[in-house]
Amino acid sequence: MGAKRALNVVGLQALLMSGVRDYRACAGVAQHEAQALAAAAALDYVLMLATQTAHAPIPALEAERAIHDGIARAVDDALVLLRAIAGVNDRAARSFVRNGVATVRAAMAAESIASDERRFALIALAADVSSA
């Protein structure tokens, strides 16, 4: 598993944790706080699998599926969190969302998980932060 994949996992994890930390006072973020933090925690396991440091006898196909599914769930949770942060609509929040969109887009491309729903969510977020 490549270093790029591990970087995508760490990027998603940082996005989820810092989004909650920096914007938890916002109603929309507070509503999704537990979900976002659970996704960030689950990415620890995904990272161990991706870097082959889990130290457990996990068959390669199962590890691959767990990594792929874990990243997909984290992408979906990150999109929900970014939508909530976009509602703050100040300069810092717009910058956070712009950076988050890039992180999510990279993870989606690397895992080939770009669905219409995910693409439209990214387009909407990008439009929100560029029009304000």
Protein backbone atom coordinates (compact mmCIF):
# COMPACT_ATOMS: atom_id res chain seq x y z
CA MET A 1 0.00 0.00 0.00
CA GLY A 2 1.51 3.30 -0.98
CA ALA A 3 2.55 6.28 1.03
CA LYS A 4 0.07 8.39 -0.94
CA ARG A 5 -2.78 6.30 0.42
CA ALA A 6 -1.53 6.77 3.97
CA LEU A 7 -1.30 10.53 3.36
CA ASN A 8 -4.91 10.56 2.17
CA VAL A 9 -5.99 8.75 5.33
CA VAL A 10 -4.08 11.19 7.54
CA GLY A 11 -5.50 14.12 5.58
CA LEU A 12 -9.06 12.91 6.11
CA GLN A 13 -8.39 12.25 9.77
CA ALA A 14 -6.93 15.74 10.26
CA LEU A 15 -9.87 17.30 8.43
CA LEU A 16 -12.41 15.52 10.63
CA MET A 17 -10.64 16.24 13.93
CA SER A 18 -9.72 19.85 13.23
CA GLY A 19 -13.16 20.58 11.80
CA VAL A 20 -14.77 19.44 15.03
CA ARG A 21 -12.16 21.18 17.18
CA ASP A 22 -12.39 24.51 15.38
CA TYR A 23 -16.14 24.63 14.65
CA ARG A 24 -17.85 22.54 17.35
CA ALA A 25 -19.62 25.65 18.67
CA CYS A 26 -21.61 25.81 15.44
CA ALA A 27 -24.94 24.01 15.63
CA GLY A 28 -24.49 22.06 12.41
CA VAL A 29 -21.04 20.83 13.43
CA ALA A 30 -22.12 19.98 16.98
CA GLN A 31 -24.88 17.82 15.54
CA HIS A 32 -22.32 15.72 13.63
CA GLU A 33 -19.47 15.84 16.17
CA ALA A 34 -19.76 12.26 17.42
CA GLN A 35 -20.01 10.87 13.90
CA ALA A 36 -17.00 12.86 12.68
CA LEU A 37 -14.85 11.87 15.66
CA ALA A 38 -15.85 8.22 15.31
CA ALA A 39 -14.82 8.33 11.65
CA ALA A 40 -11.49 9.91 12.62
CA ALA A 41 -10.90 7.20 15.21
CA ALA A 42 -11.75 4.44 12.72
CA LEU A 43 -9.15 5.88 10.38
CA ASP A 44 -6.47 4.87 12.92
CA TYR A 45 -7.21 1.25 12.05
CA VAL A 46 -7.35 2.06 8.34
CA LEU A 47 -3.95 3.74 8.64
CA MET A 48 -2.48 0.69 10.37
CA LEU A 49 -3.79 -1.48 7.57
CA ALA A 50 -2.59 0.89 4.86
CA THR A 51 0.92 1.04 6.33
CA GLN A 52 0.92 -2.66 7.18
CA THR A 53 1.53 -1.97 10.87
CA ALA A 54 -1.58 -3.66 12.25
CA HIS A 55 0.54 -6.59 13.51
CA ALA A 56 -2.34 -8.99 13.03
CA PRO A 57 -2.76 -11.77 10.50
CA ILE A 58 -5.29 -10.08 8.21
CA PRO A 59 -5.72 -11.53 4.73
CA ALA A 60 -4.74 -9.06 2.03
CA LEU A 61 -8.19 -8.96 0.40
CA GLU A 62 -9.90 -8.28 3.73
CA ALA A 63 -7.39 -5.55 4.57
CA GLU A 64 -7.89 -3.96 1.15
CA ARG A 65 -11.67 -4.00 1.55
CA ALA A 66 -11.43 -2.53 5.07
CA ILE A 67 -9.15 0.27 3.86
CA HIS A 68 -11.37 1.07 0.90
CA ASP A 69 -14.60 0.97 2.94
CA GLY A 70 -13.06 2.98 5.79
CA ILE A 71 -11.91 5.72 3.45
CA ALA A 72 -15.31 5.80 1.73
CA ARG A 73 -17.09 6.21 5.07
CA ALA A 74 -14.64 8.92 6.13
CA VAL A 75 -15.19 10.77 2.84
CA ASP A 76 -18.95 10.72 3.40
CA ASP A 77 -18.57 11.94 6.99
CA ALA A 78 -16.13 14.64 5.86
CA LEU A 79 -18.63 15.86 3.28
CA VAL A 80 -21.31 16.17 5.97
CA LEU A 81 -18.90 18.03 8.24
CA LEU A 82 -17.75 20.37 5.47
CA ARG A 83 -21.36 21.18 4.59
CA ALA A 84 -21.98 22.16 8.23
CA ILE A 85 -18.81 24.28 8.35
CA ALA A 86 -19.71 25.99 5.08
CA GLY A 87 -22.81 27.27 6.87
CA VAL A 88 -20.59 29.38 9.13
CA ASN A 89 -19.75 31.51 6.10
CA ASP A 90 -16.79 33.48 7.39
CA ARG A 91 -13.34 33.78 5.85
CA ALA A 92 -11.73 31.08 8.02
CA ALA A 93 -14.59 28.63 7.46
CA ARG A 94 -14.51 29.18 3.68
CA SER A 95 -10.76 28.55 3.67
CA PHE A 96 -11.21 25.40 5.77
CA VAL A 97 -13.88 24.11 3.40
CA ARG A 98 -11.77 24.88 0.30
CA ASN A 99 -8.86 22.92 1.78
CA GLY A 100 -11.22 20.16 2.87
CA VAL A 101 -12.69 19.85 -0.61
CA ALA A 102 -9.18 19.29 -1.98
CA THR A 103 -8.50 16.63 0.67
CA VAL A 104 -11.76 14.81 -0.03
CA ARG A 105 -11.28 15.06 -3.81
CA ALA A 106 -7.80 13.50 -3.54
CA ALA A 107 -9.08 10.62 -1.41
CA MET A 108 -12.00 10.02 -3.76
CA ALA A 109 -9.72 9.93 -6.79
CA ALA A 110 -7.15 7.66 -5.15
CA GLU A 111 -9.80 5.14 -4.05
CA SER A 112 -11.95 5.46 -7.20
CA ILE A 113 -15.04 6.17 -5.08
CA ALA A 114 -16.35 9.22 -6.92
CA SER A 115 -20.11 8.74 -7.21
CA ASP A 116 -22.54 11.28 -8.62
CA GLU A 117 -23.71 12.11 -5.09
CA ARG A 118 -20.16 12.72 -3.86
CA ARG A 119 -19.23 14.75 -6.94
CA PHE A 120 -22.32 16.93 -6.60
CA ALA A 121 -21.57 17.47 -2.90
CA LEU A 122 -18.06 18.65 -3.79
CA ILE A 123 -19.38 20.92 -6.53
CA ALA A 124 -21.93 22.45 -4.16
CA LEU A 125 -19.30 23.02 -1.48
CA ALA A 126 -16.88 24.57 -3.95
CA ALA A 127 -19.63 26.86 -5.24
CA ASP A 128 -20.62 27.87 -1.70
CA VAL A 129 -17.13 28.93 -0.70
CA SER A 130 -16.28 30.64 -3.97
CA SER A 131 -19.47 32.69 -4.23
CA ALA A 132 -19.26 34.20 -0.74
